[in-house]
Structures are given as C-alpha cells and as structure tokens.
Amino acid sequence: MRKRTLYAWGVAVVSFVVLMIVTPAIPQSEAYHDFADQREFFGIPNFLNVVSNFPFLVVGLIGLVLCYYGNYFKLSLQGEILGWTCFFVGVAAVAFGSSYYHLKPDDARLVWDRLPMTIAFTSIVAIFIIERIDERKGMISIVPLLLAGALSILYWRKRVREGFFDDLRPYAIVQFVPCIAIPIMAVLLPPMYTHSTYWLWAAAFYLIAKIEEAADKPIYTWTHHAVSGHTLKHLCAAMVPIFLTLMLVKRTIDLERQSLLVTWKVSWQQYKGKNSEGETCEYKYTAVSVVDS
C-alpha cells in the first residue's frame, strides 16, 4: 500500500513537471479586472460585486459552528473535522478576500481573492481522500495540499528581478483538477455516507458559476444592466458550500457503501425490468382480448 502511495505521488509530480514543460505560461490578463458592473451605491464602488460575497460569510460561519456545536454534522473521523474546518474557514474568508479585491480590482488584491478559494478547493480534495480512499492518507495530505494551493498563488506573484513569473498554470491546476476529479470520484468510488448526489449538485453550480463569470458583460447587457454575470457567479458559487452543508446535515453512514454508478445501474435495470414486464402484460392482455372476441 505504501509503494502504491509513493507511486501515485511520483506519477502526479512527474505529470505536473511535464505539463509545465510542454505548455506555455498563462499570464494574468489586465482585462480580467474590467468588470461589467462598476456602479457605486452607498459610497461602495462595484457595489453588487462586493456585497454578493456576503453569502460566503454566512454559510462559512454556519458550517464552522455546526462542525463543533454538539457534533451536529456527526463527523466520526478526526481528519474529517480538520478537513471540513479548513473548508468552511476558506469559504468564510472568500467573503473578505473577494470583497477586498472588488473594492479596487488589481493583481495585488486578486491574491487575497484567490488564496481563500485555494484553501476551500484543496480541503475538499483531502476530505474526499479521507472519505473514499483512506483516512490516514487524507489527513496527512491536508497540509501538503493547502501548501500546494498557497504556492500556486505565490508562484504567480513571485517577484524575479525586474518582474513576476505571471504564470497561472499551477493555480489553474489547483482550481480545475478538483472540479474534474471530485465529480468522477463521487460517481465511481464507494461512499462512506449517504446523499452523495449533493456533490454532483455542488459541481454543477460551480460549473454554472464559471460560465457566468465568462459571460460577465453579455449577461449585464441581456439583463438591461440590472445584474452582471460576475455578480451571479458569486451567488452560484455560494451554492456550492450551501449544498455541501445540506449534505452534511442529512447524510448518515452508508452501510452498503455502493457507488453512485452501481446505484444508477441497478435503478436502470429495475426500470427496464418493470418496463419490459409492463409491455409483456399489455401484449398478453391484447392476445386474450383477441381470442375472447
């Protein structure tokens, strides 16, 4: 088992190095800071992009309280408590980091917007390892994953002589690999708890949020300057921790430990069986009617 773990880490490191060698650097575009909705209300610049971060603070604080208040989430493993604590701390910190950035968008402030998000992303990966693969490995991976997230930000902003690396590739990996890996793992790996579909709902809302972010200005135009895509992106992204919090509230130990893929296959087979039985009954009924007539 230890050899497999070392092999997996070795493959991951080699893949990362090869990716960094064969792909060009991804610089941060200055156009990124040019958001569609720059209206000021109550003396607050970029008002809607700032205040739309408030749900992150609410759900982050609620999650932290429920993690420790009478073990409301019924977390049975020490690694789970640490992992979910890091996640909800990251979610709550997004409210402050993103608000600070949107008050005056630039690269320096963008660091404090992205850093809390990397905490949330990497914590989720560690939680998944704990729940679906091995508790010890997942708990050990929490600190390295958090450091990897922080280093991806530092690499982008690291000063080298006259400038910066200005390369978003490590950050892109930290952000997007979990978005791909977690839904796949949620479907294929046997869960420790019930209500695994909440992971897929969370992933779906994050995907919608990224689409809204990319369509910031078109959405602002389509809504006749009522709301921008970036504001909607914040609200949709906040649905991710909301769904995960609901999952923690509702879930119980899954005694069967059956993956979603297996569950779907069984449901599909049962559906086909019932459908086939219904068609057979209808055929028999028709045949009898013909004979009687």
C-alpha atoms as a PDB file:
ATOM      1  CA  MET A   1       0.000   0.000   0.000  1.00  0.00           C
ATOM      2  CA  ARG A   2       2.880   2.341   0.838  1.00  0.00           C
ATOM      3  CA  LYS A   3       4.512   1.606  -2.502  1.00  0.00           C
ATOM      4  CA  ARG A   4       1.242   2.424  -4.275  1.00  0.00           C
ATOM      5  CA  THR A   5       1.038   5.730  -2.456  1.00  0.00           C
ATOM      6  CA  LEU A   6       4.606   6.670  -3.372  1.00  0.00           C
ATOM      7  CA  TYR A   7       3.942   5.573  -6.953  1.00  0.00           C
ATOM      8  CA  ALA A   8       0.819   7.741  -7.123  1.00  0.00           C
ATOM      9  CA  TRP A   9       2.660  10.784  -5.770  1.00  0.00           C
ATOM     10  CA  GLY A  10       5.533  10.125  -8.176  1.00  0.00           C
ATOM     11  CA  VAL A  11       3.164   9.974 -11.140  1.00  0.00           C
ATOM     12  CA  ALA A  12       1.468  13.191 -10.009  1.00  0.00           C
ATOM     13  CA  VAL A  13       4.777  15.064  -9.644  1.00  0.00           C
ATOM     14  CA  VAL A  14       6.128  13.828 -12.991  1.00  0.00           C
ATOM     15  CA  SER A  15       2.846  14.715 -14.729  1.00  0.00           C
ATOM     16  CA  PHE A  16       2.970  18.214 -13.253  1.00  0.00           C
ATOM     17  CA  VAL A  17       6.590  18.751 -14.333  1.00  0.00           C
ATOM     18  CA  VAL A  18       5.874  17.502 -17.864  1.00  0.00           C
ATOM     19  CA  LEU A  19       2.800  19.733 -18.066  1.00  0.00           C
ATOM     20  CA  MET A  20       4.842  22.760 -17.008  1.00  0.00           C
ATOM     21  CA  ILE A  21       7.492  21.957 -19.624  1.00  0.00           C
ATOM     22  CA  VAL A  22       5.260  21.327 -22.617  1.00  0.00           C
ATOM     23  CA  THR A  23       2.655  24.052 -22.055  1.00  0.00           C
ATOM     24  CA  PRO A  24       3.214  27.819 -22.384  1.00  0.00           C
ATOM     25  CA  ALA A  25       2.849  30.162 -19.431  1.00  0.00           C
ATOM     26  CA  ILE A  26      -0.596  31.622 -18.796  1.00  0.00           C
ATOM     27  CA  PRO A  27      -0.234  35.313 -17.860  1.00  0.00           C
ATOM     28  CA  GLN A  28      -2.880  37.207 -15.938  1.00  0.00           C
ATOM     29  CA  SER A  29      -4.797  39.407 -18.355  1.00  0.00           C
ATOM     30  CA  GLU A  30      -5.311  43.003 -17.260  1.00  0.00           C
ATOM     31  CA  ALA A  31      -8.721  42.857 -18.928  1.00  0.00           C
ATOM     32  CA  TYR A  32      -9.808  40.454 -16.180  1.00  0.00           C
ATOM     33  CA  HIS A  33     -10.203  43.398 -13.796  1.00  0.00           C
ATOM     34  CA  ASP A  34     -12.526  45.253 -16.172  1.00  0.00           C
ATOM     35  CA  PHE A  35     -15.876  44.025 -14.858  1.00  0.00           C
ATOM     36  CA  ALA A  36     -19.147  44.921 -16.494  1.00  0.00           C
ATOM     37  CA  ASP A  37     -20.929  46.287 -13.414  1.00  0.00           C
ATOM     38  CA  GLN A  38     -18.865  49.084 -11.843  1.00  0.00           C
ATOM     39  CA  ARG A  39     -21.759  51.006 -10.292  1.00  0.00           C
ATOM     40  CA  GLU A  40     -21.325  52.650  -6.920  1.00  0.00           C
ATOM     41  CA  PHE A  41     -24.047  52.603  -4.260  1.00  0.00           C
ATOM     42  CA  PHE A  42     -23.904  53.954  -0.699  1.00  0.00           C
ATOM     43  CA  GLY A  43     -20.331  55.027  -1.336  1.00  0.00           C
ATOM     44  CA  ILE A  44     -19.228  51.448  -2.122  1.00  0.00           C
ATOM     45  CA  PRO A  45     -17.577  51.030  -5.550  1.00  0.00           C
ATOM     46  CA  ASN A  46     -18.517  47.965  -7.584  1.00  0.00           C
ATOM     47  CA  PHE A  47     -21.344  47.538  -5.093  1.00  0.00           C
ATOM     48  CA  LEU A  48     -23.044  44.351  -6.324  1.00  0.00           C
ATOM     49  CA  ASN A  49     -19.766  42.523  -6.922  1.00  0.00           C
ATOM     50  CA  VAL A  50     -18.781  43.376  -3.347  1.00  0.00           C
ATOM     51  CA  VAL A  51     -21.988  42.602  -1.434  1.00  0.00           C
ATOM     52  CA  SER A  52     -22.723  39.424  -3.410  1.00  0.00           C
ATOM     53  CA  ASN A  53     -19.900  37.826  -1.385  1.00  0.00           C
ATOM     54  CA  PHE A  54     -21.945  38.031   1.821  1.00  0.00           C
ATOM     55  CA  PRO A  55     -23.478  34.503   1.420  1.00  0.00           C
ATOM     56  CA  PHE A  56     -19.965  33.028   1.673  1.00  0.00           C
ATOM     57  CA  LEU A  57     -19.554  34.547   5.129  1.00  0.00           C
ATOM     58  CA  VAL A  58     -22.948  33.306   6.291  1.00  0.00           C
ATOM     59  CA  VAL A  59     -22.571  29.713   5.145  1.00  0.00           C
ATOM     60  CA  GLY A  60     -18.925  29.584   6.223  1.00  0.00           C
ATOM     61  CA  LEU A  61     -19.759  30.654   9.780  1.00  0.00           C
ATOM     62  CA  ILE A  62     -22.786  28.350   9.955  1.00  0.00           C
ATOM     63  CA  GLY A  63     -20.655  25.445   8.778  1.00  0.00           C
ATOM     64  CA  LEU A  64     -17.950  26.153  11.367  1.00  0.00           C
ATOM     65  CA  VAL A  65     -20.494  26.365  14.175  1.00  0.00           C
ATOM     66  CA  LEU A  66     -22.201  23.115  13.161  1.00  0.00           C
ATOM     67  CA  CYS A  67     -18.840  21.340  12.886  1.00  0.00           C
ATOM     68  CA  TYR A  68     -18.290  21.830  16.617  1.00  0.00           C
ATOM     69  CA  TYR A  69     -21.708  22.516  18.168  1.00  0.00           C
ATOM     70  CA  GLY A  70     -22.637  19.134  19.621  1.00  0.00           C
ATOM     71  CA  ASN A  71     -21.051  17.490  16.550  1.00  0.00           C
ATOM     72  CA  TYR A  72     -24.205  18.365  14.611  1.00  0.00           C
ATOM     73  CA  PHE A  73     -22.673  17.027  11.403  1.00  0.00           C
ATOM     74  CA  LYS A  74     -21.859  13.715  13.132  1.00  0.00           C
ATOM     75  CA  LEU A  75     -18.281  13.730  11.878  1.00  0.00           C
ATOM     76  CA  SER A  76     -16.808  10.437  13.036  1.00  0.00           C
ATOM     77  CA  LEU A  77     -13.172  10.852  11.993  1.00  0.00           C
ATOM     78  CA  GLN A  78     -10.599  13.354  13.256  1.00  0.00           C
ATOM     79  CA  GLY A  79      -9.428  14.021   9.725  1.00  0.00           C
ATOM     80  CA  GLU A  80     -12.969  14.929   8.696  1.00  0.00           C
ATOM     81  CA  ILE A  81     -13.221  17.572  11.413  1.00  0.00           C
ATOM     82  CA  LEU A  82      -9.925  19.124  10.337  1.00  0.00           C
ATOM     83  CA  GLY A  83     -10.796  18.950   6.644  1.00  0.00           C
ATOM     84  CA  TRP A  84     -14.273  20.460   6.973  1.00  0.00           C
ATOM     85  CA  THR A  85     -12.930  23.121   9.347  1.00  0.00           C
ATOM     86  CA  CYS A  86     -10.380  24.199   6.722  1.00  0.00           C
ATOM     87  CA  PHE A  87     -13.108  24.171   4.083  1.00  0.00           C
ATOM     88  CA  PHE A  88     -15.518  26.397   5.993  1.00  0.00           C
ATOM     89  CA  VAL A  89     -12.697  28.721   7.077  1.00  0.00           C
ATOM     90  CA  GLY A  90     -11.787  29.085   3.403  1.00  0.00           C
ATOM     91  CA  VAL A  91     -15.425  29.723   2.451  1.00  0.00           C
ATOM     92  CA  ALA A  92     -15.848  32.423   5.122  1.00  0.00           C
ATOM     93  CA  ALA A  93     -12.517  34.002   4.128  1.00  0.00           C
ATOM     94  CA  VAL A  94     -13.697  34.232   0.499  1.00  0.00           C
ATOM     95  CA  ALA A  95     -16.224  36.852   1.628  1.00  0.00           C
ATOM     96  CA  PHE A  96     -13.441  39.107   2.933  1.00  0.00           C
ATOM     97  CA  GLY A  97     -10.858  38.389   0.228  1.00  0.00           C
ATOM     98  CA  SER A  98     -13.237  38.772  -2.700  1.00  0.00           C
ATOM     99  CA  SER A  99     -14.876  41.903  -1.243  1.00  0.00           C
ATOM    100  CA  TYR A 100     -11.449  43.462  -0.666  1.00  0.00           C
ATOM    101  CA  TYR A 101     -10.479  42.702  -4.262  1.00  0.00           C
ATOM    102  CA  HIS A 102     -13.672  44.040  -5.826  1.00  0.00           C
ATOM    103  CA  LEU A 103     -13.430  47.352  -3.972  1.00  0.00           C
ATOM    104  CA  LYS A 104     -10.429  48.137  -6.157  1.00  0.00           C
ATOM    105  CA  PRO A 105      -9.634  45.313  -8.607  1.00  0.00           C
ATOM    106  CA  ASP A 106      -5.947  44.769  -9.406  1.00  0.00           C
ATOM    107  CA  ASP A 107      -3.401  41.963  -9.346  1.00  0.00           C
ATOM    108  CA  ALA A 108      -2.157  42.720  -5.826  1.00  0.00           C
ATOM    109  CA  ARG A 109      -5.662  42.427  -4.349  1.00  0.00           C
ATOM    110  CA  LEU A 110      -6.504  39.446  -6.532  1.00  0.00           C
ATOM    111  CA  VAL A 111      -4.061  37.406  -4.438  1.00  0.00           C
ATOM    112  CA  TRP A 112      -6.375  37.787  -1.421  1.00  0.00           C
ATOM    113  CA  ASP A 113      -9.362  36.842  -3.540  1.00  0.00           C
ATOM    114  CA  ARG A 114      -7.815  33.607  -4.793  1.00  0.00           C
ATOM    115  CA  LEU A 115      -5.990  32.446  -1.667  1.00  0.00           C
ATOM    116  CA  PRO A 116      -9.153  31.578   0.336  1.00  0.00           C
ATOM    117  CA  MET A 117     -10.562  29.744  -2.671  1.00  0.00           C
ATOM    118  CA  THR A 118      -7.485  27.525  -2.878  1.00  0.00           C
ATOM    119  CA  ILE A 119      -7.964  26.672   0.804  1.00  0.00           C
ATOM    120  CA  ALA A 120     -11.522  25.531   0.068  1.00  0.00           C
ATOM    121  CA  PHE A 121     -10.551  23.595  -3.100  1.00  0.00           C
ATOM    122  CA  THR A 122      -7.627  21.722  -1.553  1.00  0.00           C
ATOM    123  CA  SER A 123      -9.569  20.956   1.640  1.00  0.00           C
ATOM    124  CA  ILE A 124     -12.289  19.310  -0.421  1.00  0.00           C
ATOM    125  CA  VAL A 125      -9.728  17.055  -2.117  1.00  0.00           C
ATOM    126  CA  ALA A 126      -8.368  15.973   1.279  1.00  0.00           C
ATOM    127  CA  ILE A 127     -11.906  15.313   2.533  1.00  0.00           C
ATOM    128  CA  PHE A 128     -12.601  13.114  -0.462  1.00  0.00           C
ATOM    129  CA  ILE A 129      -9.426  11.105   0.135  1.00  0.00           C
ATOM    130  CA  ILE A 130     -10.452  10.640   3.783  1.00  0.00           C
ATOM    131  CA  GLU A 131     -13.996   9.548   2.942  1.00  0.00           C
ATOM    132  CA  ARG A 132     -13.423   7.481  -0.179  1.00  0.00           C
ATOM    133  CA  ILE A 133      -9.859   6.165  -0.081  1.00  0.00           C
ATOM    134  CA  ASP A 134      -8.106   6.169   3.302  1.00  0.00           C
ATOM    135  CA  GLU A 135      -8.499   8.301   6.425  1.00  0.00           C
ATOM    136  CA  ARG A 136      -4.808   8.381   7.319  1.00  0.00           C
ATOM    137  CA  LYS A 137      -3.694   9.310   3.800  1.00  0.00           C
ATOM    138  CA  GLY A 138      -6.346  12.003   3.609  1.00  0.00           C
ATOM    139  CA  MET A 139      -5.407  13.546   6.938  1.00  0.00           C
ATOM    140  CA  ILE A 140      -1.694  13.523   6.057  1.00  0.00           C
ATOM    141  CA  SER A 141      -2.486  15.164   2.701  1.00  0.00           C
ATOM    142  CA  ILE A 142      -4.326  18.174   4.178  1.00  0.00           C
ATOM    143  CA  VAL A 143      -1.225  20.254   4.929  1.00  0.00           C
ATOM    144  CA  PRO A 144       0.626  19.424   1.653  1.00  0.00           C
ATOM    145  CA  LEU A 145      -2.493  20.221  -0.371  1.00  0.00           C
ATOM    146  CA  LEU A 146      -3.007  23.535   1.433  1.00  0.00           C
ATOM    147  CA  LEU A 147       0.647  24.403   0.836  1.00  0.00           C
ATOM    148  CA  ALA A 148       0.325  23.475  -2.839  1.00  0.00           C
ATOM    149  CA  GLY A 149      -2.612  25.864  -3.148  1.00  0.00           C
ATOM    150  CA  ALA A 150      -0.736  28.695  -1.454  1.00  0.00           C
ATOM    151  CA  LEU A 151       2.391  28.076  -3.530  1.00  0.00           C
ATOM    152  CA  SER A 152       0.362  28.220  -6.746  1.00  0.00           C
ATOM    153  CA  ILE A 153      -0.615  31.777  -5.808  1.00  0.00           C
ATOM    154  CA  LEU A 154       2.898  32.729  -4.747  1.00  0.00           C
ATOM    155  CA  TYR A 155       4.327  31.320  -7.983  1.00  0.00           C
ATOM    156  CA  TRP A 156       2.023  33.579  -9.985  1.00  0.00           C
ATOM    157  CA  ARG A 157       3.001  36.684  -7.990  1.00  0.00           C
ATOM    158  CA  LYS A 158       6.615  35.809  -7.168  1.00  0.00           C
ATOM    159  CA  ARG A 159       8.965  38.707  -7.961  1.00  0.00           C
ATOM    160  CA  VAL A 160      12.016  37.786 -10.009  1.00  0.00           C
ATOM    161  CA  ARG A 161      14.434  40.646 -10.557  1.00  0.00           C
ATOM    162  CA  GLU A 162      12.513  43.138 -12.665  1.00  0.00           C
ATOM    163  CA  GLY A 163       9.128  41.429 -12.791  1.00  0.00           C
ATOM    164  CA  PHE A 164       6.935  38.456 -11.879  1.00  0.00           C
ATOM    165  CA  PHE A 165       6.563  34.903 -13.097  1.00  0.00           C
ATOM    166  CA  ASP A 166       2.995  35.914 -14.012  1.00  0.00           C
ATOM    167  CA  ASP A 167       2.055  32.306 -14.701  1.00  0.00           C
ATOM    168  CA  LEU A 168      -1.353  30.930 -13.724  1.00  0.00           C
ATOM    169  CA  ARG A 169      -0.745  27.300 -14.696  1.00  0.00           C
ATOM    170  CA  PRO A 170      -0.201  25.968 -11.139  1.00  0.00           C
ATOM    171  CA  TYR A 171      -3.246  27.884  -9.891  1.00  0.00           C
ATOM    172  CA  ALA A 172      -5.327  26.587 -12.793  1.00  0.00           C
ATOM    173  CA  ILE A 173      -4.367  23.029 -11.849  1.00  0.00           C
ATOM    174  CA  VAL A 174      -5.280  23.607  -8.191  1.00  0.00           C
ATOM    175  CA  GLN A 175      -8.626  25.080  -9.206  1.00  0.00           C
ATOM    176  CA  PHE A 176      -9.754  22.880 -12.063  1.00  0.00           C
ATOM    177  CA  VAL A 177      -8.369  19.430 -11.219  1.00  0.00           C
ATOM    178  CA  PRO A 178     -10.691  19.128  -8.176  1.00  0.00           C
ATOM    179  CA  CYS A 179     -13.605  20.292 -10.350  1.00  0.00           C
ATOM    180  CA  ILE A 180     -12.975  17.323 -12.655  1.00  0.00           C
ATOM    181  CA  ALA A 181     -11.725  14.757 -10.144  1.00  0.00           C
ATOM    182  CA  ILE A 182     -14.368  15.207  -7.438  1.00  0.00           C
ATOM    183  CA  PRO A 183     -17.470  14.505  -9.592  1.00  0.00           C
ATOM    184  CA  ILE A 184     -15.701  11.481 -11.109  1.00  0.00           C
ATOM    185  CA  MET A 185     -14.711  10.201  -7.663  1.00  0.00           C
ATOM    186  CA  ALA A 186     -18.225  10.885  -6.364  1.00  0.00           C
ATOM    187  CA  VAL A 187     -19.663   8.646  -9.069  1.00  0.00           C
ATOM    188  CA  LEU A 188     -17.072   5.848  -9.138  1.00  0.00           C
ATOM    189  CA  LEU A 189     -15.822   5.433  -5.556  1.00  0.00           C
ATOM    190  CA  PRO A 190     -17.944   3.806  -2.823  1.00  0.00           C
ATOM    191  CA  PRO A 191     -19.038   6.465  -0.289  1.00  0.00           C
ATOM    192  CA  MET A 192     -18.780   6.356   3.466  1.00  0.00           C
ATOM    193  CA  TYR A 193     -22.010   8.350   3.764  1.00  0.00           C
ATOM    194  CA  THR A 194     -25.366   8.659   2.019  1.00  0.00           C
ATOM    195  CA  HIS A 195     -26.557  11.605  -0.144  1.00  0.00           C
ATOM    196  CA  SER A 196     -23.536  11.566  -2.470  1.00  0.00           C
ATOM    197  CA  THR A 197     -25.599  13.267  -5.182  1.00  0.00           C
ATOM    198  CA  TYR A 198     -25.135  16.555  -3.323  1.00  0.00           C
ATOM    199  CA  TRP A 199     -21.522  16.511  -4.530  1.00  0.00           C
ATOM    200  CA  LEU A 200     -22.785  16.490  -8.104  1.00  0.00           C
ATOM    201  CA  TRP A 201     -25.214  19.354  -7.444  1.00  0.00           C
ATOM    202  CA  ALA A 202     -22.347  21.358  -5.953  1.00  0.00           C
ATOM    203  CA  ALA A 203     -20.160  20.625  -9.001  1.00  0.00           C
ATOM    204  CA  ALA A 204     -22.994  21.638 -11.348  1.00  0.00           C
ATOM    205  CA  PHE A 205     -23.470  25.003  -9.640  1.00  0.00           C
ATOM    206  CA  TYR A 206     -19.734  25.672  -9.757  1.00  0.00           C
ATOM    207  CA  LEU A 207     -19.749  24.956 -13.490  1.00  0.00           C
ATOM    208  CA  ILE A 208     -22.655  27.391 -13.930  1.00  0.00           C
ATOM    209  CA  ALA A 209     -20.720  29.958 -11.897  1.00  0.00           C
ATOM    210  CA  LYS A 210     -17.706  29.688 -14.220  1.00  0.00           C
ATOM    211  CA  ILE A 211     -19.958  30.129 -17.258  1.00  0.00           C
ATOM    212  CA  GLU A 212     -21.499  33.234 -15.699  1.00  0.00           C
ATOM    213  CA  GLU A 213     -18.038  34.589 -14.943  1.00  0.00           C
ATOM    214  CA  ALA A 214     -17.021  34.163 -18.592  1.00  0.00           C
ATOM    215  CA  ALA A 215     -20.276  35.815 -19.745  1.00  0.00           C
ATOM    216  CA  ASP A 216     -19.985  38.771 -17.345  1.00  0.00           C
ATOM    217  CA  LYS A 217     -20.616  41.530 -19.882  1.00  0.00           C
ATOM    218  CA  PRO A 218     -23.140  39.710 -22.117  1.00  0.00           C
ATOM    219  CA  ILE A 219     -25.298  38.896 -19.083  1.00  0.00           C
ATOM    220  CA  TYR A 220     -25.076  42.530 -17.956  1.00  0.00           C
ATOM    221  CA  THR A 221     -26.350  43.550 -21.390  1.00  0.00           C
ATOM    222  CA  TRP A 222     -29.076  40.871 -21.523  1.00  0.00           C
ATOM    223  CA  THR A 223     -30.435  41.930 -18.114  1.00  0.00           C
ATOM    224  CA  HIS A 224     -30.516  45.601 -19.209  1.00  0.00           C
ATOM    225  CA  HIS A 225     -27.786  46.483 -16.693  1.00  0.00           C
ATOM    226  CA  ALA A 226     -29.705  45.005 -13.758  1.00  0.00           C
ATOM    227  CA  VAL A 227     -27.084  42.421 -12.786  1.00  0.00           C
ATOM    228  CA  SER A 228     -23.788  41.217 -14.245  1.00  0.00           C
ATOM    229  CA  GLY A 229     -22.507  37.738 -14.842  1.00  0.00           C
ATOM    230  CA  HIS A 230     -19.827  38.152 -12.182  1.00  0.00           C
ATOM    231  CA  THR A 231     -22.372  39.011  -9.507  1.00  0.00           C
ATOM    232  CA  LEU A 232     -24.410  35.938 -10.463  1.00  0.00           C
ATOM    233  CA  LYS A 233     -21.181  33.945 -10.406  1.00  0.00           C
ATOM    234  CA  HIS A 234     -20.705  34.820  -6.732  1.00  0.00           C
ATOM    235  CA  LEU A 235     -24.258  33.770  -5.887  1.00  0.00           C
ATOM    236  CA  CYS A 236     -23.995  30.476  -7.792  1.00  0.00           C
ATOM    237  CA  ALA A 237     -20.562  29.702  -6.336  1.00  0.00           C
ATOM    238  CA  ALA A 238     -22.024  30.246  -2.851  1.00  0.00           C
ATOM    239  CA  MET A 239     -24.472  27.440  -3.630  1.00  0.00           C
ATOM    240  CA  VAL A 240     -21.538  25.004  -3.544  1.00  0.00           C
ATOM    241  CA  PRO A 241     -20.921  25.242   0.233  1.00  0.00           C
ATOM    242  CA  ILE A 242     -24.687  25.502   0.779  1.00  0.00           C
ATOM    243  CA  PHE A 243     -25.269  22.140  -0.918  1.00  0.00           C
ATOM    244  CA  LEU A 244     -22.348  20.581   0.922  1.00  0.00           C
ATOM    245  CA  THR A 245     -23.689  21.887   4.231  1.00  0.00           C
ATOM    246  CA  LEU A 246     -27.111  20.390   3.457  1.00  0.00           C
ATOM    247  CA  MET A 247     -25.371  17.126   2.626  1.00  0.00           C
ATOM    248  CA  LEU A 248     -23.603  17.118   5.993  1.00  0.00           C
ATOM    249  CA  VAL A 249     -26.899  17.765   7.778  1.00  0.00           C
ATOM    250  CA  LYS A 250     -28.828  14.996   6.000  1.00  0.00           C
ATOM    251  CA  ARG A 251     -26.296  12.233   5.467  1.00  0.00           C
ATOM    252  CA  THR A 252     -25.872   9.077   7.520  1.00  0.00           C
ATOM    253  CA  ILE A 253     -23.396   6.203   7.461  1.00  0.00           C
ATOM    254  CA  ASP A 254     -23.836   4.226   4.251  1.00  0.00           C
ATOM    255  CA  LEU A 255     -23.780   0.582   5.317  1.00  0.00           C
ATOM    256  CA  GLU A 256     -23.956  -0.714   1.743  1.00  0.00           C
ATOM    257  CA  ARG A 257     -21.108   1.520   0.508  1.00  0.00           C
ATOM    258  CA  GLN A 258     -22.396   1.338  -3.038  1.00  0.00           C
ATOM    259  CA  SER A 259     -21.048   3.830  -5.568  1.00  0.00           C
ATOM    260  CA  LEU A 260     -23.417   6.100  -7.444  1.00  0.00           C
ATOM    261  CA  LEU A 261     -22.510   4.347 -10.680  1.00  0.00           C
ATOM    262  CA  VAL A 262     -23.611   0.988  -9.280  1.00  0.00           C
ATOM    263  CA  THR A 263     -26.754   2.554  -7.808  1.00  0.00           C
ATOM    264  CA  TRP A 264     -27.654   4.067 -11.177  1.00  0.00           C
ATOM    265  CA  LYS A 265     -27.030   0.763 -12.960  1.00  0.00           C
ATOM    266  CA  VAL A 266     -29.288  -1.101 -10.530  1.00  0.00           C
ATOM    267  CA  SER A 267     -32.001   1.544 -10.873  1.00  0.00           C
ATOM    268  CA  TRP A 268     -31.767   1.401 -14.673  1.00  0.00           C
ATOM    269  CA  GLN A 269     -32.003  -2.390 -14.694  1.00  0.00           C
ATOM    270  CA  GLN A 270     -35.026  -2.269 -12.396  1.00  0.00           C
ATOM    271  CA  TYR A 271     -36.630   0.350 -14.629  1.00  0.00           C
ATOM    272  CA  LYS A 272     -36.004  -1.755 -17.733  1.00  0.00           C
ATOM    273  CA  GLY A 273     -37.352  -4.823 -15.945  1.00  0.00           C
ATOM    274  CA  LYS A 274     -40.562  -3.078 -14.941  1.00  0.00           C
ATOM    275  CA  ASN A 275     -40.948  -1.575 -18.405  1.00  0.00           C
ATOM    276  CA  SER A 276     -40.416  -4.966 -20.012  1.00  0.00           C
ATOM    277  CA  GLU A 277     -42.928  -6.551 -17.637  1.00  0.00           C
ATOM    278  CA  GLY A 278     -45.473  -3.849 -18.427  1.00  0.00           C
ATOM    279  CA  GLU A 279     -45.075  -4.369 -22.165  1.00  0.00           C
ATOM    280  CA  THR A 280     -45.423  -8.146 -21.737  1.00  0.00           C
ATOM    281  CA  CYS A 281     -48.573  -7.754 -19.665  1.00  0.00           C
ATOM    282  CA  GLU A 282     -50.035  -5.419 -22.270  1.00  0.00           C
ATOM    283  CA  TYR A 283     -49.227  -7.920 -25.011  1.00  0.00           C
ATOM    284  CA  LYS A 284     -50.816 -10.772 -23.070  1.00  0.00           C
ATOM    285  CA  TYR A 285     -53.898  -8.700 -22.372  1.00  0.00           C
ATOM    286  CA  THR A 286     -54.230  -7.883 -26.084  1.00  0.00           C
ATOM    287  CA  ALA A 287     -53.851 -11.514 -27.086  1.00  0.00           C
ATOM    288  CA  VAL A 288     -56.526 -12.650 -24.628  1.00  0.00           C
ATOM    289  CA  SER A 289     -58.892  -9.963 -25.857  1.00  0.00           C
ATOM    290  CA  VAL A 290     -58.491 -11.117 -29.449  1.00  0.00           C
ATOM    291  CA  VAL A 291     -59.220 -14.724 -28.540  1.00  0.00           C
ATOM    292  CA  ASP A 292     -62.283 -13.778 -26.496  1.00  0.00           C
ATOM    293  CA  SER A 293     -63.700 -11.733 -29.322  1.00  0.00           C
END
